[in-house]
N, C-alpha and C. Protein backbone atom coordinates (compact mmCIF):
# COMPACT_ATOMS: atom_id res chain seq x y z
N UNK A 1 16.49 -5.31 21.59
CA UNK A 1 14.92 -4.92 21.21
C UNK A 1 14.58 -6.33 20.43
N UNK A 2 13.60 -6.99 20.64
CA UNK A 2 13.00 -8.01 19.93
C UNK A 2 12.53 -7.55 18.48
N UNK A 3 12.95 -8.59 17.61
CA UNK A 3 12.38 -8.45 16.21
C UNK A 3 10.88 -8.34 16.09
N UNK A 4 10.42 -7.55 15.26
CA UNK A 4 8.88 -7.48 15.04
C UNK A 4 8.58 -8.48 13.87
N UNK A 5 7.76 -9.32 14.24
CA UNK A 5 7.21 -10.38 13.35
C UNK A 5 6.07 -9.84 12.56
N UNK A 6 6.43 -9.86 11.10
CA UNK A 6 5.39 -9.29 10.15
C UNK A 6 4.55 -10.35 9.73
N UNK A 7 3.20 -10.04 9.57
CA UNK A 7 2.20 -10.85 8.89
C UNK A 7 2.23 -10.40 7.24
N UNK A 8 2.18 -11.52 6.55
CA UNK A 8 2.34 -11.27 5.09
C UNK A 8 0.99 -11.07 4.52
N UNK A 9 1.09 -10.20 3.41
CA UNK A 9 -0.13 -9.48 2.86
C UNK A 9 0.02 -9.54 1.37
N UNK A 10 -1.04 -10.03 0.65
CA UNK A 10 -0.81 -10.27 -0.92
C UNK A 10 -1.21 -8.99 -1.46
N UNK A 11 -0.56 -8.80 -2.52
CA UNK A 11 -0.85 -7.60 -3.11
C UNK A 11 -2.25 -7.57 -3.90
N UNK A 12 -2.89 -8.75 -4.13
CA UNK A 12 -4.29 -8.84 -4.61
C UNK A 12 -5.30 -8.32 -3.45
N UNK A 13 -4.91 -8.26 -2.27
CA UNK A 13 -5.78 -7.57 -1.20
C UNK A 13 -5.71 -5.98 -1.28
N UNK A 14 -4.87 -5.42 -1.86
CA UNK A 14 -4.59 -3.94 -2.13
C UNK A 14 -5.39 -3.66 -3.27
N UNK A 15 -6.17 -2.74 -3.21
CA UNK A 15 -7.03 -2.11 -4.40
C UNK A 15 -6.35 -1.00 -4.95
N UNK A 16 -5.93 -0.85 -6.12
CA UNK A 16 -5.53 0.15 -7.09
C UNK A 16 -6.48 0.51 -8.03
N UNK A 17 -6.40 1.90 -8.33
CA UNK A 17 -7.29 2.61 -9.34
C UNK A 17 -6.77 3.78 -9.77
N UNK A 18 -7.22 4.24 -11.00
CA UNK A 18 -6.81 5.72 -11.51
C UNK A 18 -7.62 6.55 -11.09
N UNK A 19 -7.21 7.71 -10.53
CA UNK A 19 -7.79 8.76 -9.82
C UNK A 19 -8.54 9.60 -10.67
N UNK A 20 -9.83 9.74 -10.63
CA UNK A 20 -10.46 10.61 -11.71
C UNK A 20 -10.09 12.42 -11.42
N UNK A 21 -9.99 12.91 -12.63
CA UNK A 21 -9.97 14.20 -12.70
C UNK A 21 -8.38 14.77 -11.85
N UNK A 22 -7.61 13.66 -11.89
CA UNK A 22 -6.29 13.95 -11.20
C UNK A 22 -5.27 13.18 -12.04
N UNK A 23 -4.21 13.50 -11.84
CA UNK A 23 -3.03 12.66 -12.57
C UNK A 23 -2.34 11.69 -11.39
N UNK A 24 -2.40 10.41 -11.84
CA UNK A 24 -1.81 9.33 -10.89
C UNK A 24 -2.82 8.26 -10.40
N UNK A 25 -2.40 7.51 -9.41
CA UNK A 25 -3.02 6.19 -9.21
C UNK A 25 -3.22 6.21 -7.56
N UNK A 26 -4.08 5.57 -7.11
CA UNK A 26 -4.29 5.42 -5.56
C UNK A 26 -4.25 3.85 -5.36
N UNK A 27 -3.82 3.55 -4.01
CA UNK A 27 -3.90 2.09 -3.59
C UNK A 27 -4.75 2.44 -2.14
N UNK A 28 -5.54 1.27 -1.89
CA UNK A 28 -6.42 1.37 -0.67
C UNK A 28 -6.35 0.09 -0.05
N UNK A 29 -6.10 0.02 1.31
CA UNK A 29 -6.07 -1.17 1.93
C UNK A 29 -6.35 -0.92 3.71
N UNK A 30 -7.32 -1.40 4.26
CA UNK A 30 -7.50 -1.28 5.72
C UNK A 30 -7.38 0.19 6.18
N UNK A 31 -8.31 0.94 5.50
CA UNK A 31 -8.23 2.35 6.01
C UNK A 31 -7.17 3.12 5.59
N UNK A 32 -6.31 2.57 4.92
CA UNK A 32 -5.03 3.34 4.30
C UNK A 32 -5.30 3.70 2.83
N UNK A 33 -4.99 4.98 2.50
CA UNK A 33 -5.09 5.47 1.12
C UNK A 33 -3.69 5.97 0.78
N UNK A 34 -3.14 5.61 -0.15
CA UNK A 34 -1.82 6.22 -0.74
C UNK A 34 -2.02 6.47 -2.26
N UNK A 35 -1.22 7.58 -2.52
CA UNK A 35 -1.26 8.06 -4.04
C UNK A 35 0.14 8.03 -4.57
N UNK A 36 0.11 7.69 -5.85
CA UNK A 36 1.39 7.88 -6.64
C UNK A 36 1.30 8.33 -8.21
N UNK A 37 2.18 8.54 -8.66
CA UNK A 37 2.18 8.92 -10.05
C UNK A 37 2.00 7.77 -10.96
N UNK A 38 2.55 6.54 -10.34
CA UNK A 38 2.25 5.32 -11.16
C UNK A 38 1.59 4.19 -10.18
N UNK A 39 1.18 3.17 -10.66
CA UNK A 39 0.76 2.06 -9.83
C UNK A 39 1.75 1.52 -9.01
N UNK A 40 3.01 1.37 -9.49
CA UNK A 40 4.08 0.89 -8.69
C UNK A 40 4.49 1.84 -7.53
N UNK A 41 4.39 3.09 -7.64
CA UNK A 41 4.70 4.11 -6.81
C UNK A 41 3.49 4.11 -5.61
N UNK A 42 2.43 4.04 -6.00
CA UNK A 42 1.38 3.95 -5.09
C UNK A 42 1.60 2.75 -4.07
N UNK A 43 1.65 1.52 -4.76
CA UNK A 43 2.11 0.28 -4.05
C UNK A 43 3.26 0.45 -3.02
N UNK A 44 4.26 1.12 -3.61
CA UNK A 44 5.50 1.31 -2.58
C UNK A 44 5.21 2.04 -1.55
N UNK A 45 4.30 3.18 -1.69
CA UNK A 45 4.01 3.85 -0.60
C UNK A 45 3.07 3.12 0.34
N UNK A 46 2.21 2.31 -0.17
CA UNK A 46 1.51 1.34 0.42
C UNK A 46 2.21 0.42 1.40
N UNK A 47 3.36 0.01 0.75
CA UNK A 47 4.09 -0.93 1.68
C UNK A 47 4.47 -0.52 2.92
N UNK A 48 5.01 0.84 2.75
CA UNK A 48 5.50 1.50 4.00
C UNK A 48 4.19 1.75 4.85
N UNK A 49 3.08 2.19 4.72
CA UNK A 49 2.05 2.33 5.34
C UNK A 49 1.48 1.11 6.04
N UNK A 50 1.52 0.03 5.53
CA UNK A 50 1.01 -1.29 6.18
C UNK A 50 2.17 -1.85 7.01
N UNK A 51 3.44 -1.36 6.67
CA UNK A 51 4.32 -1.88 7.49
C UNK A 51 4.23 -1.36 8.97
N UNK A 52 3.99 -0.08 9.03
CA UNK A 52 3.57 0.35 10.32
C UNK A 52 2.59 -0.25 11.13
N UNK A 53 1.71 -1.19 10.41
CA UNK A 53 0.64 -1.72 10.97
C UNK A 53 1.10 -3.42 11.23
N UNK A 54 2.21 -3.70 10.81
CA UNK A 54 2.58 -4.99 11.14
C UNK A 54 2.43 -5.91 10.01
N UNK A 55 2.24 -5.41 8.91
CA UNK A 55 2.17 -6.15 7.63
C UNK A 55 3.33 -6.07 6.75
N UNK A 56 3.58 -7.09 5.91
CA UNK A 56 4.63 -7.11 4.89
C UNK A 56 3.84 -7.41 3.55
N UNK A 57 4.10 -6.32 2.69
CA UNK A 57 3.45 -6.47 1.49
C UNK A 57 4.48 -7.18 0.52
N UNK A 58 3.94 -8.32 -0.27
CA UNK A 58 4.85 -9.11 -0.85
C UNK A 58 4.39 -9.53 -2.29
């Protein structure tokens, strides 16, 4: 099986924000929304989501 070539994605293109009336943070990029208790956790979950789309969050 051939290796999949990932396109690089900057963290600056991922928007993170504090969720109102809830505990935690969210990250948004290209119709993907991930939530986490911390900003780092939300970004880690986003890295998994964009990896499925062929991007590498770095």
